Amino acid sequence: MPLDNDTEASDVLVVGAGPVGLACALYLARGGWTVTVLERWPAPYSRPRAVHFDDEVARLLADSGIGAELARLTEPADTYEWRNSDGHTLLHFDWSGLGPSGWPIASMMYQPELETTLAAAAESLPGVTLLRGHTAVTLDESPEAVVVTTRDQHGHNRSFRASYVIGCDGANSFVRELMRTDSTDLGFFYDWLIIDVVPHTERDWNPVNLQICDPRRPTTVVSGGPGRRRWEFMRMPGETIEELNTEERAWEFLRPWGLTADNCALERHAVYTFQARWADRWRTGRLLIAGDAAHLMPPFAGQGMCSGIRDAANLSWKLDLVLRGVADPVLLDSYGTERATHVQHAIGMSVELGKVICVTDPAAAAARDASMIEKGADPQRILPPLPPPTLIDGVIARGTHRLPQRSAGRLSMQGRVSRGDTTGLLDDVVGRGFLVASTLDPRDALTAGQLAFLDRIGARLIRLVPAGQPLGPIDVADVADVYLPHFAAAGHIAAVVRPDHYVFGTAATPEDLSYVVDELAGMLGTADCAPRDDRQAGLAAAAAEGDA
C-alpha cells in the first residue's frame, strides 16, 4: 500500500477514546510506540456510564500511569447488600480492605473524570495523538499496513496509516463491522432506567451499594463516585420506554429516597437495554477489537468496563512484542482466545446475578427470599458456582506429569516489597513487564541465551528475600510477608508472570525454571534460547513423554 504524502503515519491506530481505547494508547505509548487515537465525538462525553472497578483493574489502571490519581477519583465500596421489599438481607458482600492485587476490592468512580485523567495522561506522552471529532468512514488493509480515512465535524477527510488498528469504538463498532465476525448472544435482555444525581449535601449511604429485589420493581442504588449517587429501575411488563424515560418519572422514583430538585441535581436519566453477548472473533489480520466492541454484559457484577481494561492490558503486551519483532504475529491470535473465554465467565456471572434480581412474579420472589434468608445471606451458599476467572488456554505453561502447572493462568497477587530506599507495591518498586521472581537467584538457573531472551522481552528478574536481610543487586525484600509464605506453601522456587499479571508458569526446581523459560520462548514464536546441557535435555524429554 503506497503511502500518500497526506497520509499521517503511526505504529497503531486506536478507534475510540473511551477508557479502553485510552488505556490501549497509554500502554503502547509507554512502551515507546506512536499511537493515534481517533474519536468521533468532538468533545469528551460528559455523562456517567460505568461506576465500578475491582482491585485487578485498579492495578491495571496504575500500570497505565494514573495510579497516583485513583484515590482522588474513587470512593471504596466496603459493603454491597441485596434486600427484599421488606428490608430483609438476602445477600451480603464484604468488600472491605485490599484485594489480592494490592488495591481496594471495589472502587466506585465517575467515568467522565476517569476518562479526563486517562486522556490527560495520554496527551502528556510524546507518542500519543488524540484527535476528537474524527469519524472513521473507510478502512483499507494490506499485508503491510492499514489506512483509515476519517471525516471531521467540518466535513474534511484525513487519512491515517498504521501497522495495526484496535477498535475500541463501542457496541456499534465500525472496526468490528469490517471484521465481519459473528457474535454469541445469550438472549438476556432487560430495560432499566438509569438516574444519576449529585446531592447538594453529604449523606451517609449505608450500605454504599444496595440491590432491592422487589418483584414490583427491582431497584439498584449505588455510588456514582465521590459526591454522586446512581439509581437503576427495571422497566416492568406493559410499561413503555417512552413513559418511563422522562424527567417527571425520574423525580417520582427519587422522591421516596428524600431526593428532590431542592436538594440534588439530576445529572442524567436514560433507559439502557442490558445485553449478554460477545464477538466470536477478536482479530482479523491487522484489525483487533476490545471493550464493548467485543462484548456486552449486564451490570450486575460490575465487570463491563473492567473486562475492557483487561482486554487492553492483554492485547497491548502482545502487540508490543510483535511490533518489536520479538514475537511472531500469530501471538495475537491468543488475545481473542484468552479474553473471550475469560469474559464469558464475567458475562455468565452477570447473567446469573440478573436471574436472581429480575424476578417479577411475587410467588417466585417469595420462594427466592425464603431460600436466601435460610442460607444466611451467604453468597457462597446461595449463588451458583461458576468457574474461576483464570486463563485456560493461550500463553500459559502447559504442564506435564513431571512439571505440573496448577498456578498457570491464575492472576498473581501483589504485596508490598522493599528495594534500597524504596518500599511500596511490587509494580512500583520493580517495574512493569514480564517478571521472573524466585527465592533463589534466577540467573543461576538460566543459560546465557535464556537470559538474553528475557532481556529482549523486557523481563525483570528478582530474588525474593525476607525483610531485614542484606540485599543484593536483584534482591527484593518481602516486607509484607506475602510472597515467601505463598511460594513455600505451593512448593515453588520461582514464577514467571506476564505483563498483565497472570502467571505464565511456576517452577519447583532450577531445572524447572529453565524449562518454563524455554516454553515461553516457544509460545512467543522465538527460536530456542540456547542448546540445553544434558540435564536440561533430559528434563525436556521427560516433559515431552508426559505430554504424550
Protein backbone atom coordinates (compact mmCIF):
# COMPACT_ATOMS: atom_id res chain seq x y z
CA MET A 1 0.00 0.00 0.00
CA PRO A 2 1.72 3.21 -1.11
CA LEU A 3 1.90 5.99 1.48
CA ASP A 4 0.30 9.19 0.20
CA ASN A 5 2.06 12.40 1.18
CA ASP A 6 -1.08 13.47 3.04
CA THR A 7 -1.38 10.20 4.98
CA GLU A 8 -0.32 10.51 8.62
CA ALA A 9 1.63 7.54 9.97
CA SER A 10 1.87 5.98 13.43
CA ASP A 11 2.53 2.50 14.76
CA VAL A 12 -1.02 1.82 15.99
CA LEU A 13 -4.42 3.40 15.38
CA VAL A 14 -6.98 3.22 18.16
CA VAL A 15 -10.57 3.96 17.17
CA GLY A 16 -12.46 5.23 20.22
CA ALA A 17 -11.29 7.37 23.16
CA GLY A 18 -13.19 5.77 26.00
CA PRO A 19 -11.36 4.19 28.95
CA VAL A 20 -10.42 1.09 26.94
CA GLY A 21 -9.05 2.98 23.93
CA LEU A 22 -7.12 5.39 26.13
CA ALA A 23 -5.70 2.52 28.18
CA CYS A 24 -4.51 0.83 24.97
CA ALA A 25 -2.86 4.07 23.88
CA LEU A 26 -1.15 4.54 27.25
CA TYR A 27 0.19 1.01 27.45
CA LEU A 28 1.61 1.15 23.94
CA ALA A 29 2.97 4.69 24.16
CA ARG A 30 4.70 3.93 27.45
CA GLY A 31 6.42 1.13 25.56
CA GLY A 32 7.76 3.62 23.04
CA TRP A 33 5.21 3.27 20.23
CA THR A 34 3.41 6.06 18.42
CA VAL A 35 -0.36 5.86 18.73
CA THR A 36 -3.11 7.89 17.08
CA VAL A 37 -6.49 7.82 18.83
CA LEU A 38 -9.48 8.68 16.64
CA GLU A 39 -12.68 9.70 18.46
CA ARG A 40 -15.84 10.59 16.55
CA TRP A 41 -17.28 12.91 19.20
CA PRO A 42 -15.79 16.43 19.17
CA ALA A 43 -15.78 16.70 22.98
CA PRO A 44 -15.40 14.16 25.78
CA TYR A 45 -18.69 12.51 26.70
CA SER A 46 -19.82 14.23 29.88
CA ARG A 47 -22.37 11.73 31.17
CA PRO A 48 -21.60 8.88 33.60
CA ARG A 49 -21.77 5.25 32.47
CA ALA A 50 -19.61 2.70 34.30
CA VAL A 51 -19.22 3.35 38.04
CA HIS A 52 -17.15 0.44 39.38
CA PHE A 53 -13.80 -1.30 39.06
CA ASP A 54 -12.14 -4.00 41.13
CA ASP A 55 -8.65 -4.40 42.59
CA GLU A 56 -7.23 -6.10 39.50
CA VAL A 57 -8.37 -3.27 37.26
CA ALA A 58 -7.07 -0.69 39.74
CA ARG A 59 -3.68 -2.37 39.31
CA LEU A 60 -4.01 -2.20 35.52
CA LEU A 61 -5.02 1.46 35.64
CA ALA A 62 -1.94 2.09 37.76
CA ASP A 63 0.07 0.34 35.03
CA SER A 64 -1.24 2.94 32.58
CA GLY A 65 0.37 5.69 34.66
CA ILE A 66 -2.54 7.08 36.70
CA GLY A 67 -2.08 5.14 39.95
CA ALA A 68 -1.42 8.31 41.94
CA GLU A 69 -4.81 9.70 40.82
CA LEU A 70 -7.01 6.74 41.78
CA ALA A 71 -7.59 7.81 45.40
CA ARG A 72 -8.89 11.17 44.15
CA LEU A 73 -11.12 9.57 41.54
CA THR A 74 -12.76 6.91 43.69
CA GLU A 75 -14.50 6.02 46.89
CA PRO A 76 -14.34 2.50 48.34
CA ALA A 77 -17.43 0.30 48.41
CA ASP A 78 -16.94 -1.71 51.57
CA THR A 79 -20.36 -3.37 51.50
CA TYR A 80 -22.85 -4.50 48.91
CA GLU A 81 -26.21 -5.82 50.11
CA TRP A 82 -29.25 -7.32 48.47
CA ARG A 83 -32.53 -6.81 50.31
CA ASN A 84 -36.10 -7.80 49.60
CA SER A 85 -39.08 -5.46 49.62
CA ASP A 86 -39.45 -5.91 53.39
CA GLY A 87 -35.85 -4.85 54.03
CA HIS A 88 -34.56 -8.33 54.94
CA THR A 89 -31.00 -9.01 53.82
CA LEU A 90 -30.80 -11.63 51.07
CA LEU A 91 -27.08 -11.35 50.28
CA HIS A 92 -24.21 -9.57 51.99
CA PHE A 93 -20.88 -9.00 50.26
CA ASP A 94 -17.97 -7.84 52.41
CA TRP A 95 -15.74 -5.79 50.11
CA SER A 96 -13.70 -4.12 52.84
CA GLY A 97 -9.92 -3.96 52.70
CA LEU A 98 -7.49 -4.70 49.90
CA GLY A 99 -7.82 -7.38 47.25
CA PRO A 100 -5.11 -9.79 46.06
CA SER A 101 -3.88 -7.18 43.58
CA GLY A 102 -2.98 -4.77 46.39
CA TRP A 103 -5.79 -2.26 45.75
CA PRO A 104 -9.28 -1.86 47.28
CA ILE A 105 -11.56 -4.78 46.45
CA ALA A 106 -14.19 -2.45 44.98
CA SER A 107 -13.86 1.19 43.96
CA MET A 108 -16.69 3.44 42.77
CA MET A 109 -15.88 6.20 40.31
CA TYR A 110 -17.32 8.85 37.99
CA GLN A 111 -16.41 7.77 34.47
CA PRO A 112 -16.04 11.25 32.90
CA GLU A 113 -13.35 12.14 35.47
CA LEU A 114 -11.57 8.83 34.88
CA GLU A 115 -11.60 9.47 31.13
CA THR A 116 -10.34 13.03 31.61
CA THR A 117 -7.46 11.69 33.71
CA LEU A 118 -6.61 8.97 31.19
CA ALA A 119 -6.77 11.46 28.30
CA ALA A 120 -4.50 13.92 30.10
CA ALA A 121 -2.01 11.15 30.79
CA ALA A 122 -2.12 10.06 27.15
CA GLU A 123 -1.69 13.58 25.76
CA SER A 124 1.29 14.14 28.08
CA LEU A 125 3.19 11.40 26.24
CA PRO A 126 5.05 12.42 23.08
CA GLY A 127 3.93 9.28 21.24
CA VAL A 128 0.16 9.85 21.52
CA THR A 129 -2.01 11.95 19.20
CA LEU A 130 -5.63 12.25 20.33
CA LEU A 131 -7.97 13.59 17.65
CA ARG A 132 -11.58 14.29 18.57
CA GLY A 133 -14.36 14.91 16.07
CA HIS A 134 -12.93 12.36 13.60
CA THR A 135 -15.36 9.68 12.43
CA ALA A 136 -13.81 6.67 10.70
CA VAL A 137 -15.50 6.27 7.31
CA THR A 138 -13.27 3.88 5.34
CA LEU A 139 -10.61 1.31 6.12
CA ASP A 140 -8.18 -0.31 3.69
CA GLU A 141 -6.00 -3.18 4.83
CA SER A 142 -2.95 -4.58 3.06
CA PRO A 143 -0.44 -7.25 4.16
CA GLU A 144 1.84 -4.43 5.39
CA ALA A 145 -0.46 -1.83 6.99
CA VAL A 146 -3.92 -0.38 7.47
CA VAL A 147 -5.15 3.03 6.27
CA VAL A 148 -8.20 4.59 7.95
CA THR A 149 -9.88 7.64 6.46
CA THR A 150 -11.86 9.91 8.77
CA ARG A 151 -14.26 12.79 8.27
CA ASP A 152 -14.16 15.61 10.81
CA GLN A 153 -17.05 17.75 12.01
CA HIS A 154 -16.31 20.24 9.25
CA GLY A 155 -16.60 17.62 6.51
CA HIS A 156 -12.85 17.36 5.84
CA ASN A 157 -11.23 13.97 5.21
CA ARG A 158 -7.87 12.81 6.62
CA SER A 159 -6.03 9.54 6.20
CA PHE A 160 -4.04 7.66 8.84
CA ARG A 161 -1.73 4.71 8.34
CA ALA A 162 -0.56 2.21 10.97
CA SER A 163 0.62 -1.34 11.38
CA TYR A 164 -2.47 -2.30 13.39
CA VAL A 165 -5.91 -0.90 14.20
CA ILE A 166 -7.66 -1.52 17.52
CA GLY A 167 -11.40 -0.93 17.53
CA CYS A 168 -12.46 0.35 20.96
CA ASP A 169 -15.48 2.01 19.41
CA GLY A 170 -18.37 0.58 21.35
CA ALA A 171 -21.33 -1.68 20.77
CA ASN A 172 -21.86 -0.39 17.21
CA SER A 173 -18.19 -0.78 16.33
CA PHE A 174 -17.04 0.37 12.89
CA VAL A 175 -13.96 -1.87 13.13
CA ARG A 176 -15.91 -4.97 14.20
CA GLU A 177 -18.33 -4.47 11.31
CA LEU A 178 -15.43 -4.59 8.85
CA MET A 179 -14.08 -7.74 10.52
CA ARG A 180 -17.44 -9.40 9.74
CA THR A 181 -17.37 -11.52 12.85
CA ASP A 182 -20.45 -13.25 14.20
CA SER A 183 -21.46 -12.90 17.85
CA THR A 184 -22.73 -15.26 20.51
CA ASP A 185 -25.81 -13.82 22.17
CA LEU A 186 -27.29 -15.35 25.33
CA GLY A 187 -30.63 -13.63 24.72
CA PHE A 188 -30.71 -11.97 28.14
CA PHE A 189 -32.40 -8.57 27.65
CA TYR A 190 -33.82 -6.15 30.21
CA ASP A 191 -34.51 -2.42 30.04
CA TRP A 192 -33.54 -0.32 33.07
CA LEU A 193 -33.95 3.38 33.74
CA ILE A 194 -30.64 4.85 34.94
CA ILE A 195 -30.79 8.02 37.08
CA ASP A 196 -27.64 9.84 38.17
CA VAL A 197 -27.79 12.62 40.76
CA VAL A 198 -25.44 14.94 42.60
CA PRO A 199 -26.74 15.63 46.15
CA HIS A 200 -26.14 19.18 47.38
CA THR A 201 -25.08 17.96 50.83
CA GLU A 202 -23.22 14.92 52.08
CA ARG A 203 -25.25 11.97 53.28
CA ASP A 204 -24.18 8.68 54.83
CA TRP A 205 -25.34 5.91 52.49
CA ASN A 206 -25.26 2.58 54.32
CA PRO A 207 -24.70 0.25 52.64
CA VAL A 208 -22.74 2.05 49.96
CA ASN A 209 -24.23 -0.22 47.31
CA LEU A 210 -27.71 -1.72 47.61
CA GLN A 211 -29.79 -4.05 45.44
CA ILE A 212 -33.51 -4.16 46.21
CA CYS A 213 -35.06 -7.39 44.92
CA ASP A 214 -38.65 -6.17 44.87
CA PRO A 215 -40.85 -8.01 42.34
CA ARG A 216 -42.91 -4.83 41.94
CA ARG A 217 -39.79 -3.11 40.56
CA PRO A 218 -36.23 -4.38 41.04
CA THR A 219 -34.06 -1.40 42.00
CA THR A 220 -30.35 -0.69 42.33
CA VAL A 221 -28.89 2.11 44.48
CA VAL A 222 -25.12 2.59 44.27
CA SER A 223 -22.37 5.16 44.48
CA GLY A 224 -21.71 7.06 41.29
CA GLY A 225 -18.25 8.05 42.50
CA PRO A 226 -17.29 10.68 45.08
CA GLY A 227 -20.24 13.01 45.74
CA ARG A 228 -22.61 11.19 43.38
CA ARG A 229 -25.35 8.54 43.56
CA ARG A 230 -27.00 6.30 40.99
CA TRP A 231 -30.44 4.67 40.91
CA GLU A 232 -31.49 2.00 38.42
CA PHE A 233 -35.13 0.94 38.00
CA MET A 234 -36.21 -2.03 35.91
CA ARG A 235 -38.87 -1.47 33.24
CA MET A 236 -41.88 -3.55 34.15
CA PRO A 237 -44.15 -5.56 31.82
CA GLY A 238 -46.60 -3.33 29.97
CA GLU A 239 -44.54 -0.19 30.58
CA THR A 240 -43.08 1.60 27.55
CA ILE A 241 -39.64 3.12 27.40
CA GLU A 242 -41.15 6.45 26.42
CA GLU A 243 -43.32 6.74 29.52
CA LEU A 244 -40.51 5.52 31.77
CA ASN A 245 -37.76 7.79 30.48
CA THR A 246 -38.98 11.26 31.48
CA GLU A 247 -37.69 13.79 33.98
CA GLU A 248 -41.02 13.71 35.80
CA ARG A 249 -40.79 9.94 36.32
CA ALA A 250 -37.18 10.29 37.46
CA TRP A 251 -38.18 12.67 40.24
CA GLU A 252 -41.13 10.44 41.08
CA PHE A 253 -38.78 7.50 41.61
CA LEU A 254 -36.34 9.56 43.68
CA ARG A 255 -38.91 11.16 45.98
CA PRO A 256 -39.24 8.17 48.36
CA TRP A 257 -35.49 8.43 48.92
CA GLY A 258 -35.82 12.02 50.11
CA LEU A 259 -34.34 13.49 46.92
CA THR A 260 -35.95 16.44 45.18
CA ALA A 261 -34.91 19.28 42.91
CA ASP A 262 -34.27 21.32 46.06
CA ASN A 263 -31.55 19.08 47.49
CA CYS A 264 -29.88 17.46 44.46
CA ALA A 265 -29.12 17.97 40.79
CA LEU A 266 -30.48 15.49 38.25
CA GLU A 267 -27.45 14.77 36.10
CA ARG A 268 -28.93 12.19 33.75
CA HIS A 269 -31.83 9.85 33.11
CA ALA A 270 -31.66 7.27 30.33
CA VAL A 271 -33.01 3.80 29.55
CA TYR A 272 -30.41 1.15 28.80
CA THR A 273 -31.01 -2.32 27.40
CA PHE A 274 -28.73 -4.76 29.19
CA GLN A 275 -27.38 -7.47 26.89
CA ALA A 276 -25.15 -10.52 27.16
CA ARG A 277 -23.08 -11.22 24.05
CA TRP A 278 -19.51 -11.44 22.75
CA ALA A 279 -17.81 -11.45 19.37
CA ASP A 280 -16.73 -14.84 18.08
CA ARG A 281 -13.54 -13.43 16.56
CA TRP A 282 -11.46 -10.63 18.10
CA ARG A 283 -8.74 -10.41 15.45
CA THR A 284 -8.70 -10.48 11.68
CA GLY A 285 -5.31 -9.75 10.12
CA ARG A 286 -4.28 -6.31 11.32
CA LEU A 287 -7.68 -5.47 12.84
CA LEU A 288 -8.49 -6.09 16.52
CA ILE A 289 -11.36 -5.17 18.82
CA ALA A 290 -11.62 -4.55 22.56
CA GLY A 291 -14.13 -3.40 25.17
CA ASP A 292 -17.79 -3.01 24.19
CA ALA A 293 -16.83 -3.63 20.57
CA ALA A 294 -16.00 -7.20 21.64
CA HIS A 295 -18.50 -7.89 24.44
CA LEU A 296 -21.56 -6.59 26.29
CA MET A 297 -22.86 -7.74 29.65
CA PRO A 298 -25.45 -6.85 32.29
CA PRO A 299 -24.12 -4.54 35.02
CA PHE A 300 -24.95 -6.75 37.99
CA ALA A 301 -21.35 -7.89 38.57
CA GLY A 302 -19.81 -4.51 37.70
CA GLN A 303 -17.48 -6.10 35.15
CA GLY A 304 -18.24 -4.31 31.87
CA MET A 305 -15.52 -1.66 31.87
CA CYS A 306 -13.30 -3.94 33.97
CA SER A 307 -13.34 -6.52 31.19
CA GLY A 308 -12.44 -3.85 28.64
CA ILE A 309 -9.40 -2.72 30.65
CA ARG A 310 -8.31 -6.36 30.88
CA ASP A 311 -8.64 -6.54 27.09
CA ALA A 312 -6.35 -3.54 26.73
CA ALA A 313 -3.72 -4.98 29.07
CA ASN A 314 -3.75 -8.40 27.40
CA LEU A 315 -3.60 -7.09 23.85
CA SER A 316 -1.05 -4.34 24.45
CA TRP A 317 1.81 -6.50 25.76
CA LYS A 318 1.37 -8.94 22.89
CA LEU A 319 1.19 -6.19 20.29
CA ASP A 320 4.29 -4.60 21.81
CA LEU A 321 6.30 -7.81 21.32
CA VAL A 322 5.01 -8.24 17.76
CA LEU A 323 5.85 -4.65 16.80
CA ARG A 324 9.35 -5.11 18.22
CA GLY A 325 9.82 -8.27 16.19
CA VAL A 326 10.38 -10.27 19.36
CA ALA A 327 7.26 -12.40 18.85
CA ASP A 328 5.55 -13.88 15.82
CA PRO A 329 2.29 -12.11 14.80
CA VAL A 330 0.44 -15.39 15.41
CA LEU A 331 0.77 -14.47 19.10
CA LEU A 332 -2.08 -12.00 18.55
CA ASP A 333 -4.48 -14.88 17.95
CA SER A 334 -4.11 -15.84 21.60
CA TYR A 335 -5.62 -12.47 22.58
CA GLY A 336 -9.12 -13.41 21.45
CA THR A 337 -8.78 -16.97 22.71
CA GLU A 338 -7.80 -15.84 26.21
CA ARG A 339 -10.10 -12.89 26.56
CA ALA A 340 -13.23 -14.46 25.06
CA THR A 341 -13.02 -17.38 27.48
CA HIS A 342 -12.31 -15.07 30.40
CA VAL A 343 -15.09 -12.64 29.53
CA GLN A 344 -17.60 -15.46 29.20
CA HIS A 345 -17.05 -16.07 32.91
CA ALA A 346 -17.86 -12.41 33.68
CA ILE A 347 -20.93 -12.46 31.43
CA GLY A 348 -22.13 -15.74 32.90
CA MET A 349 -21.75 -14.37 36.41
CA SER A 350 -23.63 -11.18 35.47
CA VAL A 351 -26.48 -13.18 33.92
CA GLU A 352 -26.80 -15.47 36.93
CA LEU A 353 -26.99 -12.46 39.24
CA GLY A 354 -29.57 -10.90 36.93
CA LYS A 355 -31.71 -14.03 37.03
CA VAL A 356 -31.92 -13.66 40.80
CA ILE A 357 -32.55 -9.90 40.73
CA CYS A 358 -35.01 -9.57 37.84
CA VAL A 359 -37.79 -11.74 39.30
CA THR A 360 -41.19 -10.06 38.92
CA ASP A 361 -43.51 -12.91 39.93
CA PRO A 362 -44.49 -12.38 43.62
CA ALA A 363 -44.69 -16.10 44.43
CA ALA A 364 -41.33 -16.84 42.82
CA ALA A 365 -39.81 -13.84 44.62
CA ALA A 366 -41.17 -15.04 47.98
CA ALA A 367 -39.67 -18.50 47.43
CA ARG A 368 -36.35 -16.93 46.41
CA ASP A 369 -36.32 -14.70 49.50
CA ALA A 370 -37.09 -17.56 51.90
CA SER A 371 -34.30 -19.69 50.45
CA MET A 372 -31.72 -16.90 50.58
CA ILE A 373 -32.61 -15.88 54.12
CA GLU A 374 -32.49 -19.51 55.27
CA LYS A 375 -28.94 -19.73 53.89
CA GLY A 376 -27.81 -16.78 55.96
CA ALA A 377 -27.42 -14.30 53.07
CA ASP A 378 -24.10 -16.02 52.31
CA PRO A 379 -23.06 -15.62 48.64
CA GLN A 380 -21.02 -18.83 48.83
CA ARG A 381 -24.13 -20.82 49.74
CA ILE A 382 -26.62 -19.03 47.53
CA LEU A 383 -25.12 -18.10 44.19
CA PRO A 384 -24.50 -20.82 41.61
CA PRO A 385 -20.87 -21.95 41.32
CA LEU A 386 -19.01 -20.61 38.32
CA PRO A 387 -15.54 -21.48 37.06
CA PRO A 388 -12.80 -19.18 38.37
CA PRO A 389 -11.71 -16.32 36.08
CA THR A 390 -8.46 -18.00 35.08
CA LEU A 391 -6.89 -18.35 31.66
CA ILE A 392 -7.36 -21.91 30.47
CA ASP A 393 -5.79 -21.60 27.02
CA GLY A 394 -3.32 -19.30 25.32
CA VAL A 395 0.09 -18.13 26.50
CA ILE A 396 0.33 -20.22 29.66
CA ALA A 397 2.65 -23.10 30.51
CA ARG A 398 1.05 -26.41 29.64
CA GLY A 399 2.38 -28.61 32.43
CA THR A 400 3.31 -32.29 32.43
CA HIS A 401 3.27 -35.14 34.94
CA ARG A 402 6.85 -34.15 35.78
CA LEU A 403 6.16 -30.43 35.90
CA PRO A 404 2.51 -29.71 36.76
CA GLN A 405 1.30 -26.14 36.33
CA ARG A 406 -1.55 -25.73 38.79
CA SER A 407 -1.00 -21.96 39.08
CA ALA A 408 -0.55 -21.22 35.38
CA GLY A 409 -3.25 -18.86 34.12
CA ARG A 410 -4.14 -17.56 37.56
CA LEU A 411 -3.91 -13.90 38.48
CA SER A 412 -0.79 -13.18 40.51
CA MET A 413 -1.01 -11.37 43.82
CA GLN A 414 0.65 -8.07 44.64
CA GLY A 415 2.15 -7.21 48.02
CA ARG A 416 4.41 -4.57 49.48
CA VAL A 417 8.13 -5.06 48.95
CA SER A 418 11.31 -3.10 49.50
CA ARG A 419 14.43 -2.45 47.45
CA GLY A 420 17.05 0.06 48.56
CA ASP A 421 15.28 3.10 49.98
CA THR A 422 12.01 2.32 48.23
CA THR A 423 9.10 0.48 49.81
CA GLY A 424 5.78 0.06 48.06
CA LEU A 425 3.66 -2.23 45.92
CA LEU A 426 5.65 -4.68 43.81
CA ASP A 427 4.87 -2.98 40.48
CA ASP A 428 6.02 0.41 41.73
CA VAL A 429 9.26 -0.96 43.18
CA VAL A 430 10.21 -3.48 40.47
CA GLY A 431 8.55 -2.00 37.39
CA ARG A 432 6.10 -3.35 34.83
CA GLY A 433 6.51 -6.08 32.24
CA PHE A 434 7.41 -9.75 32.41
CA LEU A 435 8.63 -10.82 35.83
CA VAL A 436 10.76 -13.78 36.88
CA ALA A 437 10.51 -13.94 40.67
CA SER A 438 12.42 -16.58 42.60
CA THR A 439 13.55 -17.47 46.09
CA LEU A 440 16.93 -18.24 44.51
CA ASP A 441 18.97 -16.15 42.10
CA PRO A 442 17.17 -16.97 38.81
CA ARG A 443 20.29 -16.14 36.81
CA ASP A 444 21.99 -19.23 38.21
CA ALA A 445 19.34 -21.48 36.64
CA LEU A 446 19.36 -19.97 33.15
CA THR A 447 21.70 -20.08 30.18
CA ALA A 448 23.14 -17.00 28.52
CA GLY A 449 20.68 -17.48 25.68
CA GLN A 450 17.73 -17.66 28.02
CA LEU A 451 18.86 -14.54 29.84
CA ALA A 452 19.26 -12.76 26.51
CA PHE A 453 15.71 -13.80 25.54
CA LEU A 454 14.31 -12.47 28.82
CA ASP A 455 16.17 -9.21 28.26
CA ARG A 456 14.67 -8.90 24.76
CA ILE A 457 11.13 -9.19 26.11
CA GLY A 458 11.89 -6.70 28.89
CA ALA A 459 11.61 -9.15 31.79
CA ARG A 460 12.61 -8.19 35.32
CA LEU A 461 14.50 -10.80 37.33
CA ILE A 462 14.26 -10.63 41.11
CA ARG A 463 15.16 -12.76 44.12
CA LEU A 464 12.66 -12.57 46.97
CA VAL A 465 14.24 -12.46 50.44
CA PRO A 466 12.91 -11.94 53.99
CA ALA A 467 12.70 -8.42 55.36
CA GLY A 468 15.78 -7.33 57.28
CA GLN A 469 18.23 -9.40 55.23
CA PRO A 470 21.05 -7.61 53.38
CA LEU A 471 20.02 -7.07 49.77
CA GLY A 472 22.00 -7.99 46.69
CA PRO A 473 21.66 -6.32 43.26
CA ILE A 474 18.46 -8.15 42.23
CA ASP A 475 17.08 -8.79 45.74
CA VAL A 476 13.65 -7.57 46.81
CA ALA A 477 12.53 -7.83 50.43
CA ASP A 478 9.07 -9.33 51.04
CA VAL A 479 8.21 -6.80 53.74
CA ALA A 480 4.52 -7.74 53.91
CA ASP A 481 5.33 -11.45 54.13
CA VAL A 482 3.14 -12.21 51.11
CA TYR A 483 5.32 -13.96 48.57
CA LEU A 484 7.70 -16.19 50.53
CA PRO A 485 4.97 -17.98 52.54
CA HIS A 486 2.95 -18.46 49.35
CA PHE A 487 5.92 -19.93 47.46
CA ALA A 488 6.73 -22.24 50.39
CA ALA A 489 3.15 -23.49 50.69
CA ALA A 490 2.93 -24.15 46.95
CA GLY A 491 6.34 -25.79 46.72
CA HIS A 492 7.60 -23.18 44.23
CA ILE A 493 11.05 -21.67 43.95
CA ALA A 494 10.09 -19.40 41.04
CA ALA A 495 7.24 -17.97 38.99
CA VAL A 496 7.20 -16.39 35.55
CA VAL A 497 4.49 -13.71 35.39
CA ARG A 498 3.14 -11.98 32.29
CA PRO A 499 2.87 -8.18 31.93
CA ASP A 500 -0.91 -8.38 32.58
CA HIS A 501 -0.05 -10.09 35.90
CA TYR A 502 -1.26 -13.58 35.01
CA VAL A 503 1.08 -16.42 35.92
CA PHE A 504 2.69 -17.99 32.87
CA GLY A 505 4.26 -20.84 34.81
CA THR A 506 5.92 -21.88 38.04
CA ALA A 507 8.97 -23.93 38.93
CA ALA A 508 9.81 -26.21 41.83
CA THR A 509 13.49 -26.52 40.90
CA PRO A 510 16.10 -24.53 38.96
CA GLU A 511 15.77 -27.07 36.14
CA ASP A 512 12.03 -26.46 36.02
CA LEU A 513 12.61 -22.71 35.68
CA SER A 514 14.90 -23.30 32.71
CA TYR A 515 12.23 -25.42 31.05
CA VAL A 516 9.46 -22.84 31.72
CA VAL A 517 11.52 -20.02 30.16
CA ASP A 518 12.10 -22.16 27.07
CA GLU A 519 8.38 -22.88 26.88
CA LEU A 520 7.62 -19.17 26.98
CA ALA A 521 10.12 -18.53 24.20
CA GLY A 522 8.47 -21.22 22.10
CA MET A 523 4.99 -19.77 22.59
CA LEU A 524 6.18 -16.33 21.55
CA GLY A 525 7.49 -17.81 18.32
CA THR A 526 11.09 -17.21 19.39
CA ALA A 527 13.81 -19.67 18.44
CA ASP A 528 15.33 -21.85 21.18
CA CYS A 529 17.27 -19.68 23.60
CA ALA A 530 20.37 -21.87 23.60
CA PRO A 531 21.28 -25.57 23.47
CA ARG A 532 20.49 -27.26 26.75
CA ASP A 533 23.04 -29.28 28.63
CA ASP A 534 22.39 -32.97 29.17
CA ARG A 535 20.47 -32.39 32.39
CA GLN A 536 18.08 -29.91 30.76
CA ALA A 537 17.67 -32.12 27.71
CA GLY A 538 16.63 -34.95 29.99
CA LEU A 539 14.02 -32.74 31.64
CA ALA A 540 12.63 -31.74 28.25
CA ALA A 541 12.43 -35.39 27.19
CA ALA A 542 10.56 -36.27 30.36
CA ALA A 543 8.17 -33.41 29.81
CA ALA A 544 7.53 -34.47 26.21
CA GLU A 545 6.85 -38.02 27.39
CA GLY A 546 4.37 -36.64 29.91
CA ASP A 547 2.55 -34.71 27.19
CA ALA A 548 2.32 -37.83 25.08
